[in-house]
Structures are given as C-alpha cells and as structure tokens.
Amino acid sequence: ASDKIIISCKMSGVQDVVNVYTRIAEVIDYPLHVGLTEAG
C-alpha cells in the first residue's frame, strides 16, 4: 500500500542532496526521509 512506503535519496554533497530532494518532492507524495549520507 502507498501508506507503507517512505522514500530517501541520499547524497554526500550539500548542493547535490538539496537538488535531488527538491526534484523528488515534486513528483511523489510518499513521506521523505532526509539526510546527507556520509556527512563526515
């Protein structure tokens, strides 16, 4: 079911992760788990 799905699209660059979440937020309505992977 759609209410059983959460999405994340993690990247390690600040601008990259901002861009990818901005894009994915426009095309899906699942909840988003957000974070910078391998932040350091």
Full PDB file with SEQRES, HELIX, SHEET, SSBOND, CRYST1, ORIGX, SCALE, CONECT and MASTER records, all heavy atoms in Angstrom:
SEQRES   1 A   40  ALA SER ASP LYS ILE ILE ILE SER CYS LYS MET SER GLY          
SEQRES   2 A   40  VAL GLN ASP VAL VAL ASN VAL TYR THR ARG ILE ALA GLU          
SEQRES   3 A   40  VAL ILE ASP TYR PRO LEU HIS VAL GLY LEU THR GLU ALA          
SEQRES   4 A   40  GLY                                                          
HELIX    1 AA1 SER A    2  LYS A    4  5                                   3    
HELIX    2 AA2 VAL A   14  VAL A   27  1                                  14    
CRYST1    1.000    1.000    1.000  90.00  90.00  90.00 P 1           1          
ORIGX1      1.000000  0.000000  0.000000        0.00000                         
ORIGX2      0.000000  1.000000  0.000000        0.00000                         
ORIGX3      0.000000  0.000000  1.000000        0.00000                         
SCALE1      1.000000  0.000000  0.000000        0.00000                         
SCALE2      0.000000  1.000000  0.000000        0.00000                         
SCALE3      0.000000  0.000000  1.000000        0.00000                         
ATOM      1  N   ALA A   1       0.831  -1.204   0.000  1.00  0.00           N  
ATOM      2  CA  ALA A   1       0.000   0.000   0.000  1.00  0.00           C  
ATOM      3  C   ALA A   1       0.864   1.251   0.000  1.00  0.00           C  
ATOM      4  O   ALA A   1       1.982   1.255   0.519  1.00  0.00           O  
ATOM      5  CB  ALA A   1      -0.922  -0.002   1.215  1.00  0.00           C  
ATOM      6  N   SER A   2       0.337   2.324  -0.557  1.00  0.00           N  
ATOM      7  CA  SER A   2       1.103   3.570  -0.634  1.00  0.00           C  
ATOM      8  C   SER A   2       1.401   4.133   0.746  1.00  0.00           C  
ATOM      9  O   SER A   2       2.392   4.859   0.927  1.00  0.00           O  
ATOM     10  CB  SER A   2       0.343   4.610  -1.469  1.00  0.00           C  
ATOM     11  OG  SER A   2      -0.922   4.895  -0.894  1.00  0.00           O  
ATOM     12  N   ASP A   3       0.564   3.805   1.742  1.00  0.00           N  
ATOM     13  CA  ASP A   3       0.827   4.298   3.090  1.00  0.00           C  
ATOM     14  C   ASP A   3       1.759   3.373   3.873  1.00  0.00           C  
ATOM     15  O   ASP A   3       1.814   3.400   5.098  1.00  0.00           O  
ATOM     16  CB  ASP A   3      -0.482   4.520   3.874  1.00  0.00           C  
ATOM     17  CG  ASP A   3      -1.256   3.247   4.124  1.00  0.00           C  
ATOM     18  OD1 ASP A   3      -0.857   2.169   3.627  1.00  0.00           O  
ATOM     19  OD2 ASP A   3      -2.280   3.305   4.838  1.00  0.00           O  
ATOM     20  N   LYS A   4       2.505   2.567   3.127  1.00  0.00           N  
ATOM     21  CA  LYS A   4       3.554   1.726   3.718  1.00  0.00           C  
ATOM     22  C   LYS A   4       4.920   2.032   3.093  1.00  0.00           C  
ATOM     23  O   LYS A   4       5.870   1.269   3.285  1.00  0.00           O  
ATOM     24  CB  LYS A   4       3.227   0.244   3.500  1.00  0.00           C  
ATOM     25  CG  LYS A   4       1.984  -0.251   4.221  1.00  0.00           C  
ATOM     26  CD  LYS A   4       2.184  -0.293   5.728  1.00  0.00           C  
ATOM     27  CE  LYS A   4       0.973  -0.869   6.433  1.00  0.00           C  
ATOM     28  NZ  LYS A   4       1.138  -0.880   7.905  1.00  0.00           N  
ATOM     29  N   ILE A   5       5.013   3.138   2.354  1.00  0.00           N  
ATOM     30  CA  ILE A   5       6.246   3.440   1.626  1.00  0.00           C  
ATOM     31  C   ILE A   5       6.810   4.794   2.052  1.00  0.00           C  
ATOM     32  O   ILE A   5       6.095   5.798   2.079  1.00  0.00           O  
ATOM     33  CB  ILE A   5       6.002   3.449   0.099  1.00  0.00           C  
ATOM     34  CG1 ILE A   5       5.523   2.069  -0.374  1.00  0.00           C  
ATOM     35  CG2 ILE A   5       7.263   3.874  -0.655  1.00  0.00           C  
ATOM     36  CD1 ILE A   5       5.089   2.037  -1.831  1.00  0.00           C  
ATOM     37  N   ILE A   6       8.090   4.798   2.388  1.00  0.00           N  
ATOM     38  CA  ILE A   6       8.858   6.014   2.662  1.00  0.00           C  
ATOM     39  C   ILE A   6      10.040   6.022   1.701  1.00  0.00           C  
ATOM     40  O   ILE A   6      10.604   4.975   1.384  1.00  0.00           O  
ATOM     41  CB  ILE A   6       9.350   6.056   4.128  1.00  0.00           C  
ATOM     42  CG1 ILE A   6       8.151   6.098   5.083  1.00  0.00           C  
ATOM     43  CG2 ILE A   6      10.268   7.250   4.376  1.00  0.00           C  
ATOM     44  CD1 ILE A   6       8.518   5.962   6.553  1.00  0.00           C  
ATOM     45  N   ILE A   7      10.416   7.193   1.222  1.00  0.00           N  
ATOM     46  CA  ILE A   7      11.489   7.315   0.227  1.00  0.00           C  
ATOM     47  C   ILE A   7      12.631   8.164   0.776  1.00  0.00           C  
ATOM     48  O   ILE A   7      12.413   9.142   1.493  1.00  0.00           O  
ATOM     49  CB  ILE A   7      10.961   7.972  -1.068  1.00  0.00           C  
ATOM     50  CG1 ILE A   7       9.851   7.128  -1.704  1.00  0.00           C  
ATOM     51  CG2 ILE A   7      12.097   8.217  -2.063  1.00  0.00           C  
ATOM     52  CD1 ILE A   7      10.301   5.807  -2.273  1.00  0.00           C  
ATOM     53  N   SER A   8      13.861   7.783   0.424  1.00  0.00           N  
ATOM     54  CA  SER A   8      15.010   8.666   0.656  1.00  0.00           C  
ATOM     55  C   SER A   8      15.908   8.629  -0.568  1.00  0.00           C  
ATOM     56  O   SER A   8      15.969   7.628  -1.281  1.00  0.00           O  
ATOM     57  CB  SER A   8      15.795   8.253   1.904  1.00  0.00           C  
ATOM     58  OG  SER A   8      16.360   6.964   1.757  1.00  0.00           O  
ATOM     59  N   CYS A   9      16.587   9.748  -0.837  1.00  0.00           N  
ATOM     60  CA  CYS A   9      17.528   9.867  -1.960  1.00  0.00           C  
ATOM     61  C   CYS A   9      18.769  10.594  -1.443  1.00  0.00           C  
ATOM     62  O   CYS A   9      18.900  11.806  -1.607  1.00  0.00           O  
ATOM     63  CB  CYS A   9      16.907  10.649  -3.115  1.00  0.00           C  
ATOM     64  SG  CYS A   9      15.601   9.803  -4.009  1.00  0.00           S  
ATOM     65  N   LYS A  10      19.661   9.865  -0.829  1.00  0.00           N  
ATOM     66  CA  LYS A  10      20.769  10.500  -0.131  1.00  0.00           C  
ATOM     67  C   LYS A  10      22.025  10.619  -0.992  1.00  0.00           C  
ATOM     68  O   LYS A  10      22.385   9.705  -1.732  1.00  0.00           O  
ATOM     69  CB  LYS A  10      21.099   9.743   1.151  1.00  0.00           C  
ATOM     70  CG  LYS A  10      19.995   9.833   2.203  1.00  0.00           C  
ATOM     71  CD  LYS A  10      20.465   9.267   3.529  1.00  0.00           C  
ATOM     72  CE  LYS A  10      19.417   9.406   4.603  1.00  0.00           C  
ATOM     73  NZ  LYS A  10      19.890   8.903   5.908  1.00  0.00           N  
ATOM     74  N   MET A  11      22.677  11.783  -0.846  1.00  0.00           N  
ATOM     75  CA  MET A  11      23.950  12.040  -1.493  1.00  0.00           C  
ATOM     76  C   MET A  11      24.874  12.678  -0.460  1.00  0.00           C  
ATOM     77  O   MET A  11      24.427  13.108   0.604  1.00  0.00           O  
ATOM     78  CB  MET A  11      23.762  12.938  -2.711  1.00  0.00           C  
ATOM     79  CG  MET A  11      22.769  12.377  -3.728  1.00  0.00           C  
ATOM     80  SD  MET A  11      22.618  13.341  -5.248  1.00  0.00           S  
ATOM     81  CE  MET A  11      24.108  12.836  -6.108  1.00  0.00           C  
ATOM     82  N   SER A  12      26.170  12.765  -0.768  1.00  0.00           N  
ATOM     83  CA  SER A  12      27.128  13.256   0.223  1.00  0.00           C  
ATOM     84  C   SER A  12      27.513  14.719   0.019  1.00  0.00           C  
ATOM     85  O   SER A  12      28.205  15.293   0.863  1.00  0.00           O  
ATOM     86  CB  SER A  12      28.400  12.393   0.215  1.00  0.00           C  
ATOM     87  OG  SER A  12      29.006  12.419  -1.061  1.00  0.00           O  
ATOM     88  N   GLY A  13      27.069  15.333  -1.069  1.00  0.00           N  
ATOM     89  CA  GLY A  13      27.343  16.747  -1.312  1.00  0.00           C  
ATOM     90  C   GLY A  13      26.135  17.591  -0.946  1.00  0.00           C  
ATOM     91  O   GLY A  13      24.998  17.219  -1.252  1.00  0.00           O  
ATOM     92  N   VAL A  14      26.366  18.718  -0.299  1.00  0.00           N  
ATOM     93  CA  VAL A  14      25.259  19.551   0.173  1.00  0.00           C  
ATOM     94  C   VAL A  14      24.359  20.003  -0.975  1.00  0.00           C  
ATOM     95  O   VAL A  14      23.135  19.821  -0.942  1.00  0.00           O  
ATOM     96  CB  VAL A  14      25.795  20.771   0.959  1.00  0.00           C  
ATOM     97  CG1 VAL A  14      24.667  21.755   1.264  1.00  0.00           C  
ATOM     98  CG2 VAL A  14      26.462  20.315   2.254  1.00  0.00           C  
ATOM     99  N   GLN A  15      24.946  20.604  -2.011  1.00  0.00           N  
ATOM    100  CA  GLN A  15      24.130  21.092  -3.133  1.00  0.00           C  
ATOM    101  C   GLN A  15      23.442  19.942  -3.856  1.00  0.00           C  
ATOM    102  O   GLN A  15      22.285  20.079  -4.307  1.00  0.00           O  
ATOM    103  CB  GLN A  15      25.001  21.886  -4.109  1.00  0.00           C  
ATOM    104  CG  GLN A  15      25.606  23.151  -3.535  1.00  0.00           C  
ATOM    105  CD  GLN A  15      24.556  24.202  -3.195  1.00  0.00           C  
ATOM    106  OE1 GLN A  15      23.395  24.102  -3.595  1.00  0.00           O  
ATOM    107  NE2 GLN A  15      24.955  25.220  -2.457  1.00  0.00           N  
ATOM    108  N   ASP A  16      24.119  18.805  -3.959  1.00  0.00           N  
ATOM    109  CA  ASP A  16      23.534  17.651  -4.644  1.00  0.00           C  
ATOM    110  C   ASP A  16      22.304  17.139  -3.907  1.00  0.00           C  
ATOM    111  O   ASP A  16      21.268  16.844  -4.521  1.00  0.00           O  
ATOM    112  CB  ASP A  16      24.563  16.523  -4.757  1.00  0.00           C  
ATOM    113  CG  ASP A  16      25.723  16.874  -5.655  1.00  0.00           C  
ATOM    114  OD1 ASP A  16      25.547  17.741  -6.534  1.00  0.00           O  
ATOM    115  OD2 ASP A  16      26.810  16.289  -5.482  1.00  0.00           O  
ATOM    116  N   VAL A  17      22.408  17.007  -2.584  1.00  0.00           N  
ATOM    117  CA  VAL A  17      21.284  16.456  -1.835  1.00  0.00           C  
ATOM    118  C   VAL A  17      20.111  17.436  -1.804  1.00  0.00           C  
ATOM    119  O   VAL A  17      18.947  17.032  -1.845  1.00  0.00           O  
ATOM    120  CB  VAL A  17      21.733  16.033  -0.413  1.00  0.00           C  
ATOM    121  CG1 VAL A  17      21.792  17.200   0.553  1.00  0.00           C  
ATOM    122  CG2 VAL A  17      20.814  14.941   0.127  1.00  0.00           C  
ATOM    123  N   VAL A  18      20.405  18.732  -1.779  1.00  0.00           N  
ATOM    124  CA  VAL A  18      19.329  19.729  -1.870  1.00  0.00           C  
ATOM    125  C   VAL A  18      18.615  19.591  -3.213  1.00  0.00           C  
ATOM    126  O   VAL A  18      17.379  19.587  -3.288  1.00  0.00           O  
ATOM    127  CB  VAL A  18      19.885  21.156  -1.701  1.00  0.00           C  
ATOM    128  CG1 VAL A  18      18.821  22.203  -2.054  1.00  0.00           C  
ATOM    129  CG2 VAL A  18      20.375  21.375  -0.269  1.00  0.00           C  
ATOM    130  N   ASN A  19      19.387  19.466  -4.289  1.00  0.00           N  
ATOM    131  CA  ASN A  19      18.797  19.353  -5.631  1.00  0.00           C  
ATOM    132  C   ASN A  19      17.947  18.095  -5.782  1.00  0.00           C  
ATOM    133  O   ASN A  19      16.837  18.139  -6.331  1.00  0.00           O  
ATOM    134  CB  ASN A  19      19.902  19.362  -6.694  1.00  0.00           C  
ATOM    135  CG  ASN A  19      20.490  20.739  -6.903  1.00  0.00           C  
ATOM    136  OD1 ASN A  19      19.836  21.738  -6.625  1.00  0.00           O  
ATOM    137  ND2 ASN A  19      21.723  20.809  -7.386  1.00  0.00           N  
ATOM    138  N   VAL A  20      18.466  16.958  -5.312  1.00  0.00           N  
ATOM    139  CA  VAL A  20      17.746  15.707  -5.541  1.00  0.00           C  
ATOM    140  C   VAL A  20      16.457  15.660  -4.720  1.00  0.00           C  
ATOM    141  O   VAL A  20      15.424  15.176  -5.213  1.00  0.00           O  
ATOM    142  CB  VAL A  20      18.650  14.483  -5.253  1.00  0.00           C  
ATOM    143  CG1 VAL A  20      18.814  14.216  -3.764  1.00  0.00           C  
ATOM    144  CG2 VAL A  20      18.089  13.236  -5.947  1.00  0.00           C  
ATOM    145  N   TYR A  21      16.469  16.204  -3.505  1.00  0.00           N  
ATOM    146  CA  TYR A  21      15.235  16.200  -2.718  1.00  0.00           C  
ATOM    147  C   TYR A  21      14.222  17.205  -3.261  1.00  0.00           C  
ATOM    148  O   TYR A  21      13.006  16.976  -3.207  1.00  0.00           O  
ATOM    149  CB  TYR A  21      15.532  16.467  -1.244  1.00  0.00           C  
ATOM    150  CG  TYR A  21      15.853  15.193  -0.491  1.00  0.00           C  
ATOM    151  CD1 TYR A  21      17.163  14.857  -0.177  1.00  0.00           C  
ATOM    152  CD2 TYR A  21      14.840  14.321  -0.118  1.00  0.00           C  
ATOM    153  CE1 TYR A  21      17.462  13.687   0.489  1.00  0.00           C  
ATOM    154  CE2 TYR A  21      15.126  13.138   0.550  1.00  0.00           C  
ATOM    155  CZ  TYR A  21      16.436  12.824   0.854  1.00  0.00           C  
ATOM    156  OH  TYR A  21      16.727  11.650   1.509  1.00  0.00           O  
ATOM    157  N   THR A  22      14.708  18.299  -3.801  1.00  0.00           N  
ATOM    158  CA  THR A  22      13.794  19.260  -4.421  1.00  0.00           C  
ATOM    159  C   THR A  22      13.092  18.621  -5.617  1.00  0.00           C  
ATOM    160  O   THR A  22      11.886  18.808  -5.825  1.00  0.00           O  
ATOM    161  CB  THR A  22      14.560  20.518  -4.860  1.00  0.00           C  
ATOM    162  OG1 THR A  22      15.195  21.114  -3.711  1.00  0.00           O  
ATOM    163  CG2 THR A  22      13.624  21.545  -5.482  1.00  0.00           C  
ATOM    164  N   ARG A  23      13.843  17.830  -6.376  1.00  0.00           N  
ATOM    165  CA  ARG A  23      13.263  17.164  -7.545  1.00  0.00           C  
ATOM    166  C   ARG A  23      12.274  16.064  -7.149  1.00  0.00           C  
ATOM    167  O   ARG A  23      11.172  15.985  -7.685  1.00  0.00           O  
ATOM    168  CB  ARG A  23      14.378  16.557  -8.403  1.00  0.00           C  
ATOM    169  CG  ARG A  23      15.303  17.574  -9.027  1.00  0.00           C  
ATOM    170  CD  ARG A  23      16.334  16.890  -9.906  1.00  0.00           C  
ATOM    171  NE  ARG A  23      17.337  17.825 -10.400  1.00  0.00           N  
ATOM    172  CZ  ARG A  23      18.101  17.594 -11.462  1.00  0.00           C  
ATOM    173  NH1 ARG A  23      17.970  16.475 -12.139  1.00  0.00           N  
ATOM    174  NH2 ARG A  23      18.991  18.496 -11.851  1.00  0.00           N  
ATOM    175  N   ILE A  24      12.682  15.199  -6.226  1.00  0.00           N  
ATOM    176  CA  ILE A  24      11.828  14.064  -5.873  1.00  0.00           C  
ATOM    177  C   ILE A  24      10.552  14.533  -5.185  1.00  0.00           C  
ATOM    178  O   ILE A  24       9.494  13.924  -5.329  1.00  0.00           O  
ATOM    179  CB  ILE A  24      12.595  13.050  -4.992  1.00  0.00           C  
ATOM    180  CG1 ILE A  24      11.846  11.711  -4.913  1.00  0.00           C  
ATOM    181  CG2 ILE A  24      12.838  13.577  -3.604  1.00  0.00           C  
ATOM    182  CD1 ILE A  24      11.818  10.924  -6.181  1.00  0.00           C  
ATOM    183  N   ALA A  25      10.638  15.635  -4.452  1.00  0.00           N  
ATOM    184  CA  ALA A  25       9.463  16.153  -3.743  1.00  0.00           C  
ATOM    185  C   ALA A  25       8.360  16.593  -4.701  1.00  0.00           C  
ATOM    186  O   ALA A  25       7.184  16.623  -4.333  1.00  0.00           O  
ATOM    187  CB  ALA A  25       9.869  17.322  -2.844  1.00  0.00           C  
ATOM    188  N   GLU A  26       8.739  16.918  -5.923  1.00  0.00           N  
ATOM    189  CA  GLU A  26       7.772  17.410  -6.907  1.00  0.00           C  
ATOM    190  C   GLU A  26       7.028  16.291  -7.624  1.00  0.00           C  
ATOM    191  O   GLU A  26       5.994  16.539  -8.250  1.00  0.00           O  
ATOM    192  CB  GLU A  26       8.489  18.289  -7.942  1.00  0.00           C  
ATOM    193  CG  GLU A  26       9.050  19.589  -7.361  1.00  0.00           C  
ATOM    194  CD  GLU A  26       9.867  20.377  -8.384  1.00  0.00           C  
ATOM    195  OE1 GLU A  26      10.151  19.801  -9.467  1.00  0.00           O  
ATOM    196  OE2 GLU A  26      10.217  21.528  -8.106  1.00  0.00           O  
ATOM    197  N   VAL A  27       7.534  15.065  -7.539  1.00  0.00           N  
ATOM    198  CA  VAL A  27       6.967  14.004  -8.383  1.00  0.00           C  
ATOM    199  C   VAL A  27       6.386  12.825  -7.598  1.00  0.00           C  
ATOM    200  O   VAL A  27       5.826  11.911  -8.206  1.00  0.00           O  
ATOM    201  CB  VAL A  27       8.026  13.478  -9.385  1.00  0.00           C  
ATOM    202  CG1 VAL A  27       8.407  14.579 -10.361  1.00  0.00           C  
ATOM    203  CG2 VAL A  27       9.258  12.936  -8.678  1.00  0.00           C  
ATOM    204  N   ILE A  28       6.526  12.809  -6.279  1.00  0.00           N  
ATOM    205  CA  ILE A  28       5.920  11.745  -5.478  1.00  0.00           C  
ATOM    206  C   ILE A  28       5.238  12.370  -4.259  1.00  0.00           C  
ATOM    207  O   ILE A  28       5.529  13.509  -3.892  1.00  0.00           O  
ATOM    208  CB  ILE A  28       6.960  10.701  -5.002  1.00  0.00           C  
ATOM    209  CG1 ILE A  28       7.986  11.347  -4.066  1.00  0.00           C  
ATOM    210  CG2 ILE A  28       7.655  10.031  -6.180  1.00  0.00           C  
ATOM    211  CD1 ILE A  28       8.870  10.341  -3.359  1.00  0.00           C  
ATOM    212  N   ASP A  29       4.336  11.610  -3.641  1.00  0.00           N  
ATOM    213  CA  ASP A  29       3.702  12.107  -2.426  1.00  0.00           C  
ATOM    214  C   ASP A  29       3.943  11.192  -1.227  1.00  0.00           C  
ATOM    215  O   ASP A  29       3.279  11.307  -0.201  1.00  0.00           O  
ATOM    216  CB  ASP A  29       2.202  12.336  -2.630  1.00  0.00           C  
ATOM    217  CG  ASP A  29       1.455  11.089  -3.081  1.00  0.00           C  
ATOM    218  OD1 ASP A  29       2.096  10.019  -3.200  1.00  0.00           O  
ATOM    219  OD2 ASP A  29       0.237  11.182  -3.308  1.00  0.00           O  
ATOM    220  N   TYR A  30       4.913  10.279  -1.347  1.00  0.00           N  
ATOM    221  CA  TYR A  30       5.310   9.485  -0.189  1.00  0.00           C  
ATOM    222  C   TYR A  30       6.074  10.372   0.795  1.00  0.00           C  
ATOM    223  O   TYR A  30       6.691  11.365   0.392  1.00  0.00           O  
ATOM    224  CB  TYR A  30       6.231   8.331  -0.599  1.00  0.00           C  
ATOM    225  CG  TYR A  30       5.697   7.431  -1.679  1.00  0.00           C  
ATOM    226  CD1 TYR A  30       6.272   7.435  -2.951  1.00  0.00           C  
ATOM    227  CD2 TYR A  30       4.638   6.560  -1.439  1.00  0.00           C  
ATOM    228  CE1 TYR A  30       5.802   6.606  -3.958  1.00  0.00           C  
ATOM    229  CE2 TYR A  30       4.163   5.723  -2.442  1.00  0.00           C  
ATOM    230  CZ  TYR A  30       4.748   5.757  -3.699  1.00  0.00           C  
ATOM    231  OH  TYR A  30       4.279   4.935  -4.692  1.00  0.00           O  
ATOM    232  N   PRO A  31       6.063  10.036   2.082  1.00  0.00           N  
ATOM    233  CA  PRO A  31       6.902  10.797   3.013  1.00  0.00           C  
ATOM    234  C   PRO A  31       8.375  10.616   2.677  1.00  0.00           C  
ATOM    235  O   PRO A  31       8.791   9.565   2.170  1.00  0.00           O  
ATOM    236  CB  PRO A  31       6.556  10.209   4.386  1.00  0.00           C  
ATOM    237  CG  PRO A  31       5.867   8.926   4.122  1.00  0.00           C  
ATOM    238  CD  PRO A  31       5.256   9.015   2.762  1.00  0.00           C  
ATOM    239  N   LEU A  32       9.160  11.641   2.979  1.00  0.00           N  
ATOM    240  CA  LEU A  32      10.582  11.637   2.640  1.00  0.00           C  
ATOM    241  C   LEU A  32      11.448  11.610   3.894  1.00  0.00           C  
ATOM    242  O   LEU A  32      11.274  12.410   4.805  1.00  0.00           O  
ATOM    243  CB  LEU A  32      10.932  12.872   1.810  1.00  0.00           C  
ATOM    244  CG  LEU A  32      10.336  12.926   0.407  1.00  0.00           C  
ATOM    245  CD1 LEU A  32      10.641  14.261  -0.254  1.00  0.00           C  
ATOM    246  CD2 LEU A  32      10.853  11.768  -0.444  1.00  0.00           C  
ATOM    247  N   HIS A  33      12.385  10.663   3.906  1.00  0.00           N  
ATOM    248  CA  HIS A  33      13.423  10.608   4.932  1.00  0.00           C  
ATOM    249  C   HIS A  33      14.615  11.385   4.383  1.00  0.00           C  
ATOM    250  O   HIS A  33      15.135  11.069   3.314  1.00  0.00           O  
ATOM    251  CB  HIS A  33      13.805   9.152   5.203  1.00  0.00           C  
ATOM    252  CG  HIS A  33      15.026   8.994   6.057  1.00  0.00           C  
ATOM    253  ND1 HIS A  33      14.983   9.023   7.429  1.00  0.00           N  
ATOM    254  CD2 HIS A  33      16.328   8.804   5.736  1.00  0.00           C  
ATOM    255  CE1 HIS A  33      16.199   8.854   7.920  1.00  0.00           C  
ATOM    256  NE2 HIS A  33      17.035   8.721   6.896  1.00  0.00           N  
ATOM    257  N   VAL A  34      15.047  12.418   5.102  1.00  0.00           N  
ATOM    258  CA  VAL A  34      16.048  13.351   4.575  1.00  0.00           C  
ATOM    259  C   VAL A  34      17.339  13.267   5.386  1.00  0.00           C  
ATOM    260  O   VAL A  34      17.316  13.167   6.613  1.00  0.00           O  
ATOM    261  CB  VAL A  34      15.505  14.799   4.608  1.00  0.00           C  
ATOM    262  CG1 VAL A  34      16.553  15.784   4.118  1.00  0.00           C  
ATOM    263  CG2 VAL A  34      14.245  14.906   3.754  1.00  0.00           C  
ATOM    264  N   GLY A  35      18.443  13.344   4.683  1.00  0.00           N  
ATOM    265  CA  GLY A  35      19.738  13.386   5.346  1.00  0.00           C  
ATOM    266  C   GLY A  35      20.857  13.447   4.334  1.00  0.00           C  
ATOM    267  O   GLY A  35      20.676  13.140   3.154  1.00  0.00           O  
ATOM    268  N   LEU A  36      22.006  13.872   4.798  1.00  0.00           N  
ATOM    269  CA  LEU A  36      23.222  13.903   3.991  1.00  0.00           C  
ATOM    270  C   LEU A  36      23.996  12.638   4.309  1.00  0.00           C  
ATOM    271  O   LEU A  36      24.448  12.448   5.443  1.00  0.00           O  
ATOM    272  CB  LEU A  36      24.045  15.145   4.347  1.00  0.00           C  
ATOM    273  CG  LEU A  36      25.283  15.440   3.501  1.00  0.00           C  
ATOM    274  CD1 LEU A  36      24.887  15.957   2.124  1.00  0.00           C  
ATOM    275  CD2 LEU A  36      26.162  16.467   4.208  1.00  0.00           C  
ATOM    276  N   THR A  37      24.131  11.747   3.349  1.00  0.00           N  
ATOM    277  CA  THR A  37      24.830  10.499   3.625  1.00  0.00           C  
ATOM    278  C   THR A  37      26.331  10.746   3.742  1.00  0.00           C  
ATOM    279  O   THR A  37      26.878  11.655   3.121  1.00  0.00           O  
ATOM    280  CB  THR A  37      24.547   9.450   2.530  1.00  0.00           C  
ATOM    281  OG1 THR A  37      25.004   8.170   2.973  1.00  0.00           O  
ATOM    282  CG2 THR A  37      25.228   9.796   1.219  1.00  0.00           C  
ATOM    283  N   GLU A  38      26.973   9.934   4.578  1.00  0.00           N  
ATOM    284  CA  GLU A  38      28.434  10.040   4.743  1.00  0.00           C  
ATOM    285  C   GLU A  38      28.849  11.489   4.984  1.00  0.00           C  
ATOM    286  O   GLU A  38      29.761  12.018   4.332  1.00  0.00           O  
ATOM    287  CB  GLU A  38      29.145   9.484   3.506  1.00  0.00           C  
ATOM    288  CG  GLU A  38      28.845   8.005   3.260  1.00  0.00           C  
ATOM    289  CD  GLU A  38      28.628   7.681   1.787  1.00  0.00           C  
ATOM    290  OE1 GLU A  38      28.832   8.564   0.949  1.00  0.00           O  
ATOM    291  OE2 GLU A  38      28.232   6.547   1.495  1.00  0.00           O  
ATOM    292  N   ALA A  39      28.192  12.127   5.942  1.00  0.00           N  
ATOM    293  CA  ALA A  39      28.415  13.558   6.188  1.00  0.00           C  
ATOM    294  C   ALA A  39      29.833  13.856   6.650  1.00  0.00           C  
ATOM    295  O   ALA A  39      30.356  14.945   6.404  1.00  0.00           O  
ATOM    296  CB  ALA A  39      27.410  14.069   7.225  1.00  0.00           C  
ATOM    297  N   GLY A  40      30.460  12.892   7.330  1.00  0.00           N  
ATOM    298  CA  GLY A  40      31.820  13.106   7.804  1.00  0.00           C  
ATOM    299  C   GLY A  40      31.889  13.170   9.318  1.00  0.00           C  
ATOM    300  O   GLY A  40      30.924  12.924  10.029  1.00  0.00           O  
TER     301      GLY A  40                                                      
MASTER        0    0    0    2    0    0    0    6  300    1    0    4          
END                                                                             
